[in-house]
PDB file of N, CA and C in Angstrom:
ATOM      1  N   MET A   1     -15.456  22.179 -12.320  1.00  0.00           N
ATOM      2  CA  MET A   1     -15.761  20.768 -12.424  1.00  0.00           C
ATOM      3  C   MET A   1     -17.230  20.596 -12.780  1.00  0.00           C
ATOM      4  N   SER A   2     -17.479  19.693 -13.665  1.00  0.00           N
ATOM      5  CA  SER A   2     -18.830  19.437 -14.122  1.00  0.00           C
ATOM      6  C   SER A   2     -19.649  18.764 -13.021  1.00  0.00           C
ATOM      7  N   GLU A   3     -20.942  19.087 -13.010  1.00  0.00           N
ATOM      8  CA  GLU A   3     -21.831  18.450 -12.030  1.00  0.00           C
ATOM      9  C   GLU A   3     -21.942  16.952 -12.277  1.00  0.00           C
ATOM     10  N   ASN A   4     -21.679  16.518 -13.505  1.00  0.00           N
ATOM     11  CA  ASN A   4     -21.798  15.108 -13.860  1.00  0.00           C
ATOM     12  C   ASN A   4     -20.491  14.339 -13.696  1.00  0.00           C
ATOM     13  N   ALA A   5     -19.440  15.018 -13.283  1.00  0.00           N
ATOM     14  CA  ALA A   5     -18.156  14.338 -13.106  1.00  0.00           C
ATOM     15  C   ALA A   5     -18.233  13.389 -11.919  1.00  0.00           C
ATOM     16  N   PRO A   6     -17.615  12.219 -12.061  1.00  0.00           N
ATOM     17  CA  PRO A   6     -17.644  11.287 -10.923  1.00  0.00           C
ATOM     18  C   PRO A   6     -16.882  11.858  -9.736  1.00  0.00           C
ATOM     19  N   ALA A   7     -17.365  11.540  -8.554  1.00  0.00           N
ATOM     20  CA  ALA A   7     -16.718  12.031  -7.340  1.00  0.00           C
ATOM     21  C   ALA A   7     -15.364  11.343  -7.177  1.00  0.00           C
ATOM     22  N   GLU A   8     -14.405  12.084  -6.673  1.00  0.00           N
ATOM     23  CA  GLU A   8     -13.080  11.526  -6.384  1.00  0.00           C
ATOM     24  C   GLU A   8     -13.217  10.490  -5.281  1.00  0.00           C
ATOM     25  N   LYS A   9     -12.562   9.362  -5.465  1.00  0.00           N
ATOM     26  CA  LYS A   9     -12.611   8.327  -4.438  1.00  0.00           C
ATOM     27  C   LYS A   9     -11.810   8.771  -3.227  1.00  0.00           C
ATOM     28  N   THR A  10     -12.271   8.337  -2.084  1.00  0.00           N
ATOM     29  CA  THR A  10     -11.549   8.643  -0.855  1.00  0.00           C
ATOM     30  C   THR A  10     -10.364   7.693  -0.712  1.00  0.00           C
ATOM     31  N   PHE A  11      -9.458   8.046   0.165  1.00  0.00           N
ATOM     32  CA  PHE A  11      -8.316   7.197   0.476  1.00  0.00           C
ATOM     33  C   PHE A  11      -8.789   5.815   0.890  1.00  0.00           C
ATOM     34  N   GLN A  12      -9.761   5.749   1.796  1.00  0.00           N
ATOM     35  CA  GLN A  12     -10.254   4.465   2.293  1.00  0.00           C
ATOM     36  C   GLN A  12     -10.904   3.649   1.182  1.00  0.00           C
ATOM     37  N   GLU A  13     -11.622   4.298   0.285  1.00  0.00           N
ATOM     38  CA  GLU A  13     -12.234   3.573  -0.836  1.00  0.00           C
ATOM     39  C   GLU A  13     -11.166   2.945  -1.729  1.00  0.00           C
ATOM     40  N   ARG A  14     -10.081   3.674  -1.970  1.00  0.00           N
ATOM     41  CA  ARG A  14      -8.990   3.115  -2.773  1.00  0.00           C
ATOM     42  C   ARG A  14      -8.357   1.927  -2.055  1.00  0.00           C
ATOM     43  N   CYS A  15      -8.134   2.057  -0.761  1.00  0.00           N
ATOM     44  CA  CYS A  15      -7.573   0.946   0.021  1.00  0.00           C
ATOM     45  C   CYS A  15      -8.490  -0.268  -0.048  1.00  0.00           C
ATOM     46  N   ASP A  16      -9.779  -0.043   0.114  1.00  0.00           N
ATOM     47  CA  ASP A  16     -10.746  -1.144   0.076  1.00  0.00           C
ATOM     48  C   ASP A  16     -10.732  -1.864  -1.274  1.00  0.00           C
ATOM     49  N   GLU A  17     -10.523  -1.122  -2.363  1.00  0.00           N
ATOM     50  CA  GLU A  17     -10.454  -1.743  -3.683  1.00  0.00           C
ATOM     51  C   GLU A  17      -9.238  -2.665  -3.799  1.00  0.00           C
ATOM     52  N   PHE A  18      -8.092  -2.211  -3.295  1.00  0.00           N
ATOM     53  CA  PHE A  18      -6.896  -3.060  -3.322  1.00  0.00           C
ATOM     54  C   PHE A  18      -7.098  -4.311  -2.466  1.00  0.00           C
ATOM     55  N   ILE A  19      -7.709  -4.156  -1.318  1.00  0.00           N
ATOM     56  CA  ILE A  19      -7.966  -5.293  -0.439  1.00  0.00           C
ATOM     57  C   ILE A  19      -8.944  -6.267  -1.099  1.00  0.00           C
ATOM     58  N   ALA A  20      -9.937  -5.750  -1.799  1.00  0.00           N
ATOM     59  CA  ALA A  20     -10.887  -6.614  -2.494  1.00  0.00           C
ATOM     60  C   ALA A  20     -10.183  -7.448  -3.569  1.00  0.00           C
ATOM     61  N   VAL A  21      -9.262  -6.842  -4.300  1.00  0.00           N
ATOM     62  CA  VAL A  21      -8.492  -7.591  -5.308  1.00  0.00           C
ATOM     63  C   VAL A  21      -7.654  -8.664  -4.622  1.00  0.00           C
ATOM     64  N   ALA A  22      -7.022  -8.311  -3.518  1.00  0.00           N
ATOM     65  CA  ALA A  22      -6.211  -9.285  -2.781  1.00  0.00           C
ATOM     66  C   ALA A  22      -7.082 -10.447  -2.303  1.00  0.00           C
ATOM     67  N   ASN A  23      -8.265 -10.148  -1.805  1.00  0.00           N
ATOM     68  CA  ASN A  23      -9.166 -11.210  -1.347  1.00  0.00           C
ATOM     69  C   ASN A  23      -9.597 -12.115  -2.501  1.00  0.00           C
ATOM     70  N   GLN A  24      -9.840 -11.528  -3.666  1.00  0.00           N
ATOM     71  CA  GLN A  24     -10.189 -12.333  -4.845  1.00  0.00           C
ATOM     72  C   GLN A  24      -9.037 -13.254  -5.225  1.00  0.00           C
ATOM     73  N   GLN A  25      -7.820 -12.722  -5.221  1.00  0.00           N
ATOM     74  CA  GLN A  25      -6.657 -13.541  -5.561  1.00  0.00           C
ATOM     75  C   GLN A  25      -6.419 -14.620  -4.512  1.00  0.00           C
ATOM     76  N   ASN A  26      -6.689 -14.297  -3.263  1.00  0.00           N
ATOM     77  CA  ASN A  26      -6.487 -15.260  -2.183  1.00  0.00           C
ATOM     78  C   ASN A  26      -7.400 -16.470  -2.333  1.00  0.00           C
ATOM     79  N   ALA A  27      -8.513 -16.302  -2.999  1.00  0.00           N
ATOM     80  CA  ALA A  27      -9.420 -17.429  -3.227  1.00  0.00           C
ATOM     81  C   ALA A  27      -8.787 -18.467  -4.160  1.00  0.00           C
ATOM     82  N   ALA A  28      -7.793 -18.034  -4.967  1.00  0.00           N
ATOM     83  CA  ALA A  28      -7.190 -18.934  -5.949  1.00  0.00           C
ATOM     84  C   ALA A  28      -5.774 -19.366  -5.591  1.00  0.00           C
ATOM     85  N   THR A  29      -5.200 -18.781  -4.548  1.00  0.00           N
ATOM     86  CA  THR A  29      -3.828 -19.119  -4.160  1.00  0.00           C
ATOM     87  C   THR A  29      -3.662 -18.863  -2.670  1.00  0.00           C
ATOM     88  N   ASP A  30      -2.504 -19.191  -2.146  1.00  0.00           N
ATOM     89  CA  ASP A  30      -2.325 -19.018  -0.703  1.00  0.00           C
ATOM     90  C   ASP A  30      -2.012 -17.556  -0.357  1.00  0.00           C
ATOM     91  N   VAL A  31      -2.264 -17.211   0.879  1.00  0.00           N
ATOM     92  CA  VAL A  31      -2.151 -15.834   1.339  1.00  0.00           C
ATOM     93  C   VAL A  31      -0.715 -15.310   1.227  1.00  0.00           C
ATOM     94  N   ASP A  32       0.276 -16.181   1.403  1.00  0.00           N
ATOM     95  CA  ASP A  32       1.669 -15.740   1.302  1.00  0.00           C
ATOM     96  C   ASP A  32       2.006 -15.269  -0.110  1.00  0.00           C
ATOM     97  N   ASN A  33       1.462 -15.939  -1.105  1.00  0.00           N
ATOM     98  CA  ASN A  33       1.676 -15.547  -2.495  1.00  0.00           C
ATOM     99  C   ASN A  33       1.054 -14.173  -2.757  1.00  0.00           C
ATOM    100  N   VAL A  34      -0.167 -13.976  -2.285  1.00  0.00           N
ATOM    101  CA  VAL A  34      -0.850 -12.694  -2.466  1.00  0.00           C
ATOM    102  C   VAL A  34      -0.112 -11.590  -1.716  1.00  0.00           C
ATOM    103  N   ASN A  35       0.303 -11.871  -0.497  1.00  0.00           N
ATOM    104  CA  ASN A  35       1.024 -10.895   0.311  1.00  0.00           C
ATOM    105  C   ASN A  35       2.307 -10.448  -0.383  1.00  0.00           C
ATOM    106  N   ALA A  36       3.066 -11.405  -0.922  1.00  0.00           N
ATOM    107  CA  ALA A  36       4.306 -11.067  -1.631  1.00  0.00           C
ATOM    108  C   ALA A  36       4.017 -10.208  -2.860  1.00  0.00           C
ATOM    109  N   ALA A  37       2.951 -10.523  -3.572  1.00  0.00           N
ATOM    110  CA  ALA A  37       2.588  -9.746  -4.756  1.00  0.00           C
ATOM    111  C   ALA A  37       2.204  -8.317  -4.390  1.00  0.00           C
ATOM    112  N   ILE A  38       1.481  -8.159  -3.299  1.00  0.00           N
ATOM    113  CA  ILE A  38       1.094  -6.820  -2.851  1.00  0.00           C
ATOM    114  C   ILE A  38       2.324  -6.003  -2.476  1.00  0.00           C
ATOM    115  N   LEU A  39       3.221  -6.607  -1.706  1.00  0.00           N
ATOM    116  CA  LEU A  39       4.434  -5.890  -1.289  1.00  0.00           C
ATOM    117  C   LEU A  39       5.272  -5.474  -2.498  1.00  0.00           C
ATOM    118  N   PHE A  40       5.459  -6.407  -3.431  1.00  0.00           N
ATOM    119  CA  PHE A  40       6.245  -6.099  -4.622  1.00  0.00           C
ATOM    120  C   PHE A  40       5.578  -4.996  -5.441  1.00  0.00           C
ATOM    121  N   SER A  41       4.278  -5.107  -5.626  1.00  0.00           N
ATOM    122  CA  SER A  41       3.543  -4.106  -6.403  1.00  0.00           C
ATOM    123  C   SER A  41       3.611  -2.731  -5.756  1.00  0.00           C
ATOM    124  N   ALA A  42       3.468  -2.685  -4.448  1.00  0.00           N
ATOM    125  CA  ALA A  42       3.551  -1.399  -3.741  1.00  0.00           C
ATOM    126  C   ALA A  42       4.936  -0.793  -3.915  1.00  0.00           C
ATOM    127  N   ALA A  43       5.974  -1.604  -3.754  1.00  0.00           N
ATOM    128  CA  ALA A  43       7.334  -1.090  -3.914  1.00  0.00           C
ATOM    129  C   ALA A  43       7.554  -0.579  -5.336  1.00  0.00           C
ATOM    130  N   ARG A  44       7.087  -1.332  -6.307  1.00  0.00           N
ATOM    131  CA  ARG A  44       7.266  -0.931  -7.703  1.00  0.00           C
ATOM    132  C   ARG A  44       6.545   0.377  -7.989  1.00  0.00           C
ATOM    133  N   PHE A  45       5.312   0.516  -7.497  1.00  0.00           N
ATOM    134  CA  PHE A  45       4.566   1.743  -7.743  1.00  0.00           C
ATOM    135  C   PHE A  45       5.173   2.913  -6.966  1.00  0.00           C
ATOM    136  N   ASN A  46       5.659   2.664  -5.761  1.00  0.00           N
ATOM    137  CA  ASN A  46       6.328   3.722  -4.999  1.00  0.00           C
ATOM    138  C   ASN A  46       7.533   4.260  -5.758  1.00  0.00           C
ATOM    139  N   VAL A  47       8.316   3.356  -6.321  1.00  0.00           N
ATOM    140  CA  VAL A  47       9.466   3.790  -7.112  1.00  0.00           C
ATOM    141  C   VAL A  47       8.986   4.606  -8.310  1.00  0.00           C
ATOM    142  N   PHE A  48       8.040   4.070  -9.057  1.00  0.00           N
ATOM    143  CA  PHE A  48       7.509   4.768 -10.232  1.00  0.00           C
ATOM    144  C   PHE A  48       7.033   6.176  -9.886  1.00  0.00           C
ATOM    145  N   SER A  49       6.288   6.288  -8.803  1.00  0.00           N
ATOM    146  CA  SER A  49       5.688   7.582  -8.473  1.00  0.00           C
ATOM    147  C   SER A  49       6.701   8.594  -7.952  1.00  0.00           C
ATOM    148  N   ASN A  50       7.863   8.131  -7.509  1.00  0.00           N
ATOM    149  CA  ASN A  50       8.838   9.049  -6.931  1.00  0.00           C
ATOM    150  C   ASN A  50      10.026   9.362  -7.830  1.00  0.00           C
ATOM    151  N   VAL A  51      10.405   8.472  -8.703  1.00  0.00           N
ATOM    152  CA  VAL A  51      11.574   8.740  -9.544  1.00  0.00           C
ATOM    153  C   VAL A  51      11.284   9.746 -10.649  1.00  0.00           C
ATOM    154  N   ARG A  52      10.019  10.018 -10.891  1.00  0.00           N
ATOM    155  CA  ARG A  52       9.659  10.977 -11.953  1.00  0.00           C
ATOM    156  C   ARG A  52      10.196  12.379 -11.678  1.00  0.00           C
ATOM    157  N   GLN A  53      10.485  12.678 -10.431  1.00  0.00           N
ATOM    158  CA  GLN A  53      10.974  14.011 -10.083  1.00  0.00           C
ATOM    159  C   GLN A  53      12.442  14.222 -10.459  1.00  0.00           C
ATOM    160  N   PHE A  54      13.135  13.155 -10.820  1.00  0.00           N
ATOM    161  CA  PHE A  54      14.569  13.248 -11.105  1.00  0.00           C
ATOM    162  C   PHE A  54      14.820  13.341 -12.604  1.00  0.00           C
ATOM    163  N   ASP A  55      15.678  14.261 -12.974  1.00  0.00           N
ATOM    164  CA  ASP A  55      16.071  14.386 -14.370  1.00  0.00           C
ATOM    165  C   ASP A  55      17.512  13.925 -14.577  1.00  0.00           C
ATOM    166  N   ASP A  56      18.110  13.402 -13.512  1.00  0.00           N
ATOM    167  CA  ASP A  56      19.515  13.010 -13.530  1.00  0.00           C
ATOM    168  C   ASP A  56      19.679  11.769 -12.662  1.00  0.00           C
ATOM    169  N   VAL A  57      20.256  10.719 -13.220  1.00  0.00           N
ATOM    170  CA  VAL A  57      20.406   9.470 -12.488  1.00  0.00           C
ATOM    171  C   VAL A  57      21.319   9.635 -11.267  1.00  0.00           C
ATOM    172  N   GLU A  58      22.269  10.536 -11.337  1.00  0.00           N
ATOM    173  CA  GLU A  58      23.163  10.751 -10.187  1.00  0.00           C
ATOM    174  C   GLU A  58      22.389  11.322  -9.001  1.00  0.00           C
ATOM    175  N   LYS A  59      21.450  12.217  -9.260  1.00  0.00           N
ATOM    176  CA  LYS A  59      20.603  12.758  -8.181  1.00  0.00           C
ATOM    177  C   LYS A  59      19.745  11.647  -7.587  1.00  0.00           C
ATOM    178  N   LEU A  60      19.241  10.787  -8.456  1.00  0.00           N
ATOM    179  CA  LEU A  60      18.442   9.650  -7.986  1.00  0.00           C
ATOM    180  C   LEU A  60      19.289   8.740  -7.094  1.00  0.00           C
ATOM    181  N   LYS A  61      20.491   8.451  -7.524  1.00  0.00           N
ATOM    182  CA  LYS A  61      21.387   7.613  -6.715  1.00  0.00           C
ATOM    183  C   LYS A  61      21.644   8.243  -5.352  1.00  0.00           C
ATOM    184  N   GLN A  62      21.800   9.558  -5.322  1.00  0.00           N
ATOM    185  CA  GLN A  62      22.060  10.261  -4.061  1.00  0.00           C
ATOM    186  C   GLN A  62      20.865  10.191  -3.123  1.00  0.00           C
ATOM    187  N   GLU A  63      19.664  10.164  -3.675  1.00  0.00           N
ATOM    188  CA  GLU A  63      18.442  10.169  -2.869  1.00  0.00           C
ATOM    189  C   GLU A  63      17.892   8.777  -2.588  1.00  0.00           C
ATOM    190  N   LYS A  64      18.502   7.758  -3.158  1.00  0.00           N
ATOM    191  CA  LYS A  64      17.994   6.391  -3.023  1.00  0.00           C
ATOM    192  C   LYS A  64      17.765   6.000  -1.564  1.00  0.00           C
ATOM    193  N   GLN A  65      18.757   6.170  -0.720  1.00  0.00           N
ATOM    194  CA  GLN A  65      18.623   5.747   0.678  1.00  0.00           C
ATOM    195  C   GLN A  65      17.558   6.560   1.405  1.00  0.00           C
ATOM    196  N   ASN A  66      17.446   7.850   1.097  1.00  0.00           N
ATOM    197  CA  ASN A  66      16.403   8.673   1.715  1.00  0.00           C
ATOM    198  C   ASN A  66      15.014   8.151   1.359  1.00  0.00           C
ATOM    199  N   MET A  67      14.832   7.735   0.105  1.00  0.00           N
ATOM    200  CA  MET A  67      13.536   7.202  -0.313  1.00  0.00           C
ATOM    201  C   MET A  67      13.253   5.867   0.380  1.00  0.00           C
ATOM    202  N   VAL A  68      14.260   5.010   0.446  1.00  0.00           N
ATOM    203  CA  VAL A  68      14.086   3.718   1.130  1.00  0.00           C
ATOM    204  C   VAL A  68      13.731   3.955   2.596  1.00  0.00           C
ATOM    205  N   ASP A  69      14.441   4.870   3.234  1.00  0.00           N
ATOM    206  CA  ASP A  69      14.163   5.164   4.645  1.00  0.00           C
ATOM    207  C   ASP A  69      12.753   5.720   4.836  1.00  0.00           C
ATOM    208  N   TYR A  70      12.341   6.618   3.960  1.00  0.00           N
ATOM    209  CA  TYR A  70      11.011   7.218   4.064  1.00  0.00           C
ATOM    210  C   TYR A  70       9.921   6.143   3.963  1.00  0.00           C
ATOM    211  N   PHE A  71       9.990   5.328   2.916  1.00  0.00           N
ATOM    212  CA  PHE A  71       8.941   4.329   2.726  1.00  0.00           C
ATOM    213  C   PHE A  71       9.003   3.232   3.780  1.00  0.00           C
ATOM    214  N   SER A  72      10.185   2.898   4.240  1.00  0.00           N
ATOM    215  CA  SER A  72      10.302   1.912   5.319  1.00  0.00           C
ATOM    216  C   SER A  72       9.629   2.426   6.585  1.00  0.00           C
ATOM    217  N   GLN A  73       9.852   3.679   6.903  1.00  0.00           N
ATOM    218  CA  GLN A  73       9.238   4.272   8.089  1.00  0.00           C
ATOM    219  C   GLN A  73       7.719   4.361   7.946  1.00  0.00           C
ATOM    220  N   ARG A  74       7.258   4.780   6.776  1.00  0.00           N
ATOM    221  CA  ARG A  74       5.810   4.874   6.556  1.00  0.00           C
ATOM    222  C   ARG A  74       5.157   3.487   6.668  1.00  0.00           C
ATOM    223  N   TYR A  75       5.797   2.463   6.092  1.00  0.00           N
ATOM    224  CA  TYR A  75       5.248   1.115   6.184  1.00  0.00           C
ATOM    225  C   TYR A  75       5.187   0.666   7.637  1.00  0.00           C
ATOM    226  N   ARG A  76       6.244   0.932   8.378  1.00  0.00           N
ATOM    227  CA  ARG A  76       6.285   0.561   9.792  1.00  0.00           C
ATOM    228  C   ARG A  76       5.131   1.216  10.558  1.00  0.00           C
ATOM    229  N   GLU A  77       4.903   2.499  10.307  1.00  0.00           N
ATOM    230  CA  GLU A  77       3.810   3.221  10.986  1.00  0.00           C
ATOM    231  C   GLU A  77       2.458   2.610  10.639  1.00  0.00           C
ATOM    232  N   MET A  78       2.250   2.288   9.364  1.00  0.00           N
ATOM    233  CA  MET A  78       0.975   1.711   8.940  1.00  0.00           C
ATOM    234  C   MET A  78       0.790   0.310   9.496  1.00  0.00           C
ATOM    235  N   MET A  79       1.873  -0.466   9.517  1.00  0.00           N
ATOM    236  CA  MET A  79       1.810  -1.817  10.083  1.00  0.00           C
ATOM    237  C   MET A  79       1.452  -1.746  11.565  1.00  0.00           C
ATOM    238  N   GLU A  80       2.104  -0.865  12.299  1.00  0.00           N
ATOM    239  CA  GLU A  80       1.817  -0.717  13.727  1.00  0.00           C
ATOM    240  C   GLU A  80       0.379  -0.282  13.961  1.00  0.00           C
ATOM    241  N   GLN A  81      -0.099   0.652  13.161  1.00  0.00           N
ATOM    242  CA  GLN A  81      -1.482   1.139  13.293  1.00  0.00           C
ATOM    243  C   GLN A  81      -2.468  -0.001  13.052  1.00  0.00           C
ATOM    244  N   ASN A  82      -2.247  -0.780  12.005  1.00  0.00           N
ATOM    245  CA  ASN A  82      -3.157  -1.880  11.699  1.00  0.00           C
ATOM    246  C   ASN A  82      -3.076  -2.996  12.728  1.00  0.00           C
ATOM    247  N   LEU A  83      -1.891  -3.279  13.238  1.00  0.00           N
ATOM    248  CA  LEU A  83      -1.770  -4.274  14.296  1.00  0.00           C
ATOM    249  C   LEU A  83      -2.495  -3.834  15.564  1.00  0.00           C
ATOM    250  N   GLU A  84      -2.355  -2.583  15.921  1.00  0.00           N
ATOM    251  CA  GLU A  84      -3.065  -2.071  17.107  1.00  0.00           C
ATOM    252  C   GLU A  84      -4.570  -2.205  16.940  1.00  0.00           C
ATOM    253  N   GLU A  85      -5.078  -1.870  15.757  1.00  0.00           N
ATOM    254  CA  GLU A  85      -6.511  -2.012  15.516  1.00  0.00           C
ATOM    255  C   GLU A  85      -6.927  -3.478  15.632  1.00  0.00           C
ATOM    256  N   TYR A  86      -6.130  -4.374  15.062  1.00  0.00           N
ATOM    257  CA  TYR A  86      -6.460  -5.798  15.123  1.00  0.00           C
ATOM    258  C   TYR A  86      -6.451  -6.293  16.556  1.00  0.00           C
ATOM    259  N   ILE A  87      -5.471  -5.863  17.323  1.00  0.00           N
ATOM    260  CA  ILE A  87      -5.400  -6.255  18.730  1.00  0.00           C
ATOM    261  C   ILE A  87      -6.638  -5.774  19.484  1.00  0.00           C
ATOM    262  N   GLU A  88      -7.037  -4.540  19.241  1.00  0.00           N
ATOM    263  CA  GLU A  88      -8.216  -3.980  19.921  1.00  0.00           C
ATOM    264  C   GLU A  88      -9.488  -4.727  19.547  1.00  0.00           C
ATOM    265  N   ARG A  89      -9.561  -5.232  18.330  1.00  0.00           N
ATOM    266  CA  ARG A  89     -10.775  -5.904  17.847  1.00  0.00           C
ATOM    267  C   ARG A  89     -10.572  -7.406  17.672  1.00  0.00           C
ATOM    268  N   PHE A  90      -9.591  -7.945  18.325  1.00  0.00           N
ATOM    269  CA  PHE A  90      -9.216  -9.346  18.147  1.00  0.00           C
ATOM    270  C   PHE A  90     -10.414 -10.277  18.281  1.00  0.00           C
ATOM    271  N   ASP A  91     -11.171 -10.127  19.327  1.00  0.00           N
ATOM    272  CA  ASP A  91     -12.318 -11.024  19.545  1.00  0.00           C
ATOM    273  C   ASP A  91     -13.363 -10.879  18.458  1.00  0.00           C
ATOM    274  N   ASP A  92     -13.606  -9.657  17.985  1.00  0.00           N
ATOM    275  CA  ASP A  92     -14.574  -9.448  16.908  1.00  0.00           C
ATOM    276  C   ASP A  92     -14.111 -10.091  15.605  1.00  0.00           C
ATOM    277  N   TYR A  93     -12.829  -9.952  15.304  1.00  0.00           N
ATOM    278  CA  TYR A  93     -12.287 -10.480  14.065  1.00  0.00           C
ATOM    279  C   TYR A  93     -12.144 -12.003  14.080  1.00  0.00           C
ATOM    280  N   ASN A  94     -12.121 -12.608  15.239  1.00  0.00           N
ATOM    281  CA  ASN A  94     -11.865 -14.040  15.355  1.00  0.00           C
ATOM    282  C   ASN A  94     -13.052 -14.822  15.891  1.00  0.00           C
ATOM    283  N   GLN A  95     -14.244 -14.353  15.625  1.00  0.00           N
ATOM    284  CA  GLN A  95     -15.432 -15.090  16.039  1.00  0.00           C
ATOM    285  C   GLN A  95     -15.639 -16.264  15.085  1.00  0.00           C
ATOM    286  N   ASN A  96     -16.028 -17.386  15.656  1.00  0.00           N
ATOM    287  CA  ASN A  96     -16.252 -18.589  14.821  1.00  0.00           C
ATOM    288  C   ASN A  96     -17.668 -18.667  14.357  1.00  0.00           C
TER     289      ASN A  96
END
């Protein structure tokens, strides 16, 4: 790797970029609209990034429920983690 190559972004930096875009969009529309767009976009990209491994639609059909279950579980874990953090910092996040 070249010394002049840009450093790879961290996971958190990528997350922060998506959140920044959501915050920009929220300035022009309501939060429910932005939230729905994020969920749809994540689902669409998850499908895109995972179906590339299949060379046969029948194999994809067989694995469909496994993929749905995997991403549903991962989302649940992330939602719970973020809710716990919010609960722990509730007073800090809700200062007037």
